[in-house]
Protein backbone atom coordinates (compact mmCIF):
# COMPACT_ATOMS: atom_id res chain seq x y z
CA MET A 1 -23.18 -3.77 82.24
CA VAL A 2 -22.86 -7.89 81.28
CA ASN A 3 -19.92 -9.38 82.73
CA SER A 4 -19.44 -11.89 80.44
CA GLN A 5 -15.37 -12.73 80.72
CA HIS A 6 -16.18 -16.10 81.07
CA VAL A 7 -18.16 -19.10 79.91
CA VAL A 8 -19.26 -22.21 82.12
CA LEU A 9 -17.48 -25.33 80.71
CA VAL A 10 -19.45 -28.52 80.96
CA ASP A 11 -19.43 -32.26 79.92
CA GLU A 12 -22.12 -33.66 77.93
CA GLN A 13 -24.34 -34.26 80.71
CA ASN A 14 -24.10 -30.41 81.51
CA ASN A 15 -22.24 -30.91 84.77
CA VAL A 16 -19.76 -28.11 85.45
CA ILE A 17 -16.25 -28.70 84.56
CA GLY A 18 -14.43 -25.22 84.57
CA THR A 19 -14.50 -21.88 83.29
CA ASP A 20 -12.71 -20.24 80.53
CA GLU A 21 -12.47 -16.80 79.27
CA LYS A 22 -14.74 -15.83 76.57
CA ILE A 23 -12.07 -14.39 74.50
CA HIS A 24 -9.79 -17.65 74.40
CA ALA A 25 -12.93 -20.22 74.86
CA HIS A 26 -14.10 -19.52 71.27
CA ASN A 27 -11.43 -20.90 68.73
CA SER A 28 -11.02 -23.98 66.52
CA SER A 29 -11.46 -26.59 69.13
CA THR A 30 -13.88 -24.80 71.43
CA LEU A 31 -15.02 -26.91 74.32
CA LEU A 32 -18.39 -27.59 75.41
CA HIS A 33 -20.04 -24.78 77.41
CA ARG A 34 -23.40 -23.09 78.54
CA GLY A 35 -25.30 -20.47 76.38
CA VAL A 36 -28.67 -19.03 76.40
CA SER A 37 -30.98 -18.34 73.04
CA ALA A 38 -34.05 -16.30 73.05
CA PHE A 39 -36.42 -15.35 70.48
CA LEU A 40 -38.45 -12.25 71.82
CA PHE A 41 -41.81 -11.33 70.87
CA ASN A 42 -43.59 -7.92 71.37
CA ARG A 43 -47.65 -8.07 72.73
CA GLN A 44 -48.22 -7.57 68.69
CA LYS A 45 -46.65 -10.87 68.16
CA GLU A 46 -43.54 -9.78 66.15
CA LEU A 47 -40.34 -11.28 66.69
CA LEU A 48 -37.57 -9.42 66.24
CA VAL A 49 -34.48 -10.81 64.90
CA GLN A 50 -30.71 -9.39 65.06
CA LYS A 51 -27.90 -9.09 62.63
CA ARG A 52 -25.05 -9.53 64.78
CA ALA A 53 -22.39 -7.01 65.04
CA THR A 54 -19.59 -7.53 62.11
CA LEU A 55 -16.61 -7.66 64.53
CA LYS A 56 -18.14 -10.46 66.88
CA LYS A 57 -15.64 -13.47 67.21
CA THR A 58 -18.70 -15.90 66.01
CA TRP A 59 -20.89 -15.41 63.29
CA GLY A 60 -20.42 -11.87 63.04
CA GLY A 61 -22.65 -10.42 60.24
CA TYR A 62 -25.00 -12.82 60.53
CA TRP A 63 -28.67 -12.58 60.96
CA SER A 64 -29.93 -14.66 64.28
CA ASN A 65 -32.44 -14.97 66.65
CA SER A 66 -33.29 -12.30 68.89
CA PHE A 67 -30.31 -12.31 71.45
CA CYS A 68 -28.03 -15.31 73.05
CA GLY A 69 -25.31 -15.31 75.49
CA HIS A 70 -23.66 -17.02 78.22
CA PRO A 71 -24.71 -17.79 81.47
CA GLN A 72 -21.76 -17.07 84.24
CA ILE A 73 -20.78 -19.65 86.76
CA HIS A 74 -23.48 -19.01 89.53
CA GLU A 75 -25.89 -17.89 87.20
CA THR A 76 -29.06 -19.58 86.05
CA SER A 77 -30.08 -19.88 82.27
CA GLU A 78 -32.93 -17.51 83.02
CA GLN A 79 -31.06 -14.67 84.76
CA ALA A 80 -28.71 -15.04 82.03
CA VAL A 81 -31.79 -14.61 79.40
CA HIS A 82 -32.63 -11.54 81.43
CA ARG A 83 -29.12 -10.33 81.90
CA HIS A 84 -28.18 -10.44 78.04
CA ALA A 85 -31.80 -8.88 77.05
CA LYS A 86 -30.67 -5.88 79.21
CA PHE A 87 -27.16 -5.96 77.67
CA GLU A 88 -27.68 -6.41 74.05
CA LEU A 89 -31.07 -4.93 73.45
CA GLY A 90 -31.42 -2.10 76.61
CA ILE A 91 -34.78 -3.89 77.68
CA ASN A 92 -36.47 -5.52 80.67
CA LEU A 93 -38.38 -8.62 79.95
CA GLN A 94 -41.73 -8.83 80.87
CA GLU A 95 -42.53 -12.66 80.52
CA VAL A 96 -39.65 -15.63 80.03
CA TYR A 97 -40.66 -19.08 78.86
CA PHE A 98 -38.58 -21.76 78.45
CA ILE A 99 -38.99 -23.97 75.15
CA ALA A 100 -36.34 -26.96 75.22
CA ASP A 101 -32.87 -27.95 76.01
CA TYR A 102 -30.72 -27.71 72.63
CA ARG A 103 -27.17 -28.76 71.85
CA TYR A 104 -25.42 -27.84 68.87
CA LYS A 105 -22.00 -27.27 67.49
CA PHE A 106 -20.93 -25.03 64.18
CA ALA A 107 -17.77 -23.97 62.64
CA ASN A 108 -17.64 -20.85 60.77
CA ASN A 109 -14.36 -19.23 59.67
CA GLY A 110 -12.16 -21.51 61.75
CA VAL A 111 -13.97 -20.79 65.14
CA VAL A 112 -16.28 -23.14 66.52
CA GLU A 113 -19.51 -22.84 68.49
CA ASN A 114 -20.06 -25.82 70.72
CA GLU A 115 -23.11 -25.19 73.48
CA ILE A 116 -25.23 -26.70 75.58
CA CYS A 117 -28.13 -23.63 75.02
CA PRO A 118 -31.81 -23.98 76.32
CA ILE A 119 -34.27 -21.90 74.05
CA TYR A 120 -36.52 -19.45 75.40
CA LEU A 121 -39.55 -17.38 74.09
CA VAL A 122 -39.66 -13.75 75.77
CA ILE A 123 -41.94 -11.10 75.74
CA SER A 124 -41.35 -7.43 75.95
CA ASP A 125 -42.87 -4.22 74.50
CA ASP A 126 -39.83 -2.06 75.84
CA ILE A 127 -38.03 0.42 73.30
CA ILE A 128 -35.09 -1.43 71.86
CA LYS A 129 -31.75 0.13 72.35
CA ILE A 130 -29.15 -1.88 70.80
CA ASN A 131 -25.63 -2.28 72.03
CA ASP A 132 -23.66 -1.95 68.69
CA GLN A 133 -20.65 -3.79 70.10
CA GLU A 134 -23.21 -6.93 69.90
CA VAL A 135 -25.82 -6.06 67.46
CA GLU A 136 -25.84 -4.25 64.33
CA GLU A 137 -29.39 -4.11 63.34
CA VAL A 138 -32.71 -5.75 64.44
CA ARG A 139 -36.12 -6.38 62.56
CA PHE A 140 -39.42 -6.97 63.41
CA PHE A 141 -41.77 -9.60 61.88
CA LEU A 142 -44.78 -11.68 61.79
CA TRP A 143 -44.07 -15.22 62.46
CA GLN A 144 -45.53 -16.02 58.91
CA GLU A 145 -43.42 -13.25 57.50
CA PHE A 146 -40.20 -14.49 59.13
CA THR A 147 -40.68 -18.02 58.02
CA ARG A 148 -40.93 -16.91 54.77
CA HIS A 149 -37.86 -14.51 54.85
CA ILE A 150 -35.85 -16.92 56.51
CA GLN A 151 -36.49 -19.36 53.74
CA GLN A 152 -35.38 -16.93 51.09
CA GLU A 153 -32.49 -15.91 53.07
CA LEU A 154 -31.48 -19.12 54.60
CA ASP A 155 -27.38 -18.13 54.25
CA ASP A 156 -27.75 -15.22 56.01
CA PHE A 157 -28.67 -16.77 59.13
CA THR A 158 -27.02 -18.51 61.95
CA PRO A 159 -27.04 -22.47 61.75
CA TRP A 160 -28.37 -22.32 65.55
CA CYS A 161 -31.07 -19.74 64.52
CA LYS A 162 -32.55 -22.35 61.57
CA GLU A 163 -32.69 -25.26 63.67
CA GLU A 164 -33.76 -23.54 67.01
CA LEU A 165 -36.86 -21.75 65.08
CA ILE A 166 -38.27 -25.26 64.16
CA ILE A 167 -38.17 -26.71 67.68
CA LEU A 168 -39.86 -23.28 68.68
CA GLU A 169 -42.46 -23.77 66.09
CA ASN A 170 -43.39 -27.21 67.33
CA SER A 171 -43.08 -26.40 70.66
CA GLU A 172 -46.77 -26.30 73.11
CA THR A 173 -45.97 -22.85 74.63
CA PHE A 174 -45.17 -21.39 71.30
CA LYS A 175 -48.55 -22.78 69.79
CA LYS A 176 -50.43 -21.53 72.89
CA PHE A 177 -48.87 -18.09 72.84
CA MET A 178 -49.59 -17.61 68.96
CA SER A 179 -53.02 -18.56 69.79
CA LEU A 180 -53.73 -16.14 72.64
CA ASN A 181 -55.47 -12.90 72.00
CA LEU A 182 -52.85 -10.08 73.97
């Protein structure tokens, strides 16, 4: 079970300045905090995207990257990625690759997301068992199918997913992964 009861508040240089209860942290003036964001591929190089549970406080009902979450106070970003993969999708990760640091701030329905959020490419062939409190639905796409799909359904996706996929696609790690015969 994920212990996601708090977020780690940080300054613009990612120095810890405190914590806040997750339930209260996301509001109309959300303070900057740490997050993590992951794009999950299987060995067939299919990307999993998720539709966030409708009841989620931030961007509920929107399609997004494979999973995301918040590191806890004494947890690395990579540890948080493993924990959230298990919590949201019921899977273990076989490989984890850091892609880039990312900073964003977006508002929707009066609630602001304001995060320093490193991006990861992760690999797993485990059977997905979604946590319906977090995820409403998942779909797998080949990369070219996904980029065409998101162009057609742009308004259905979270704004961070749209920006992160460009960062991912331009990274050397992603290019190398896509060129490998797995």
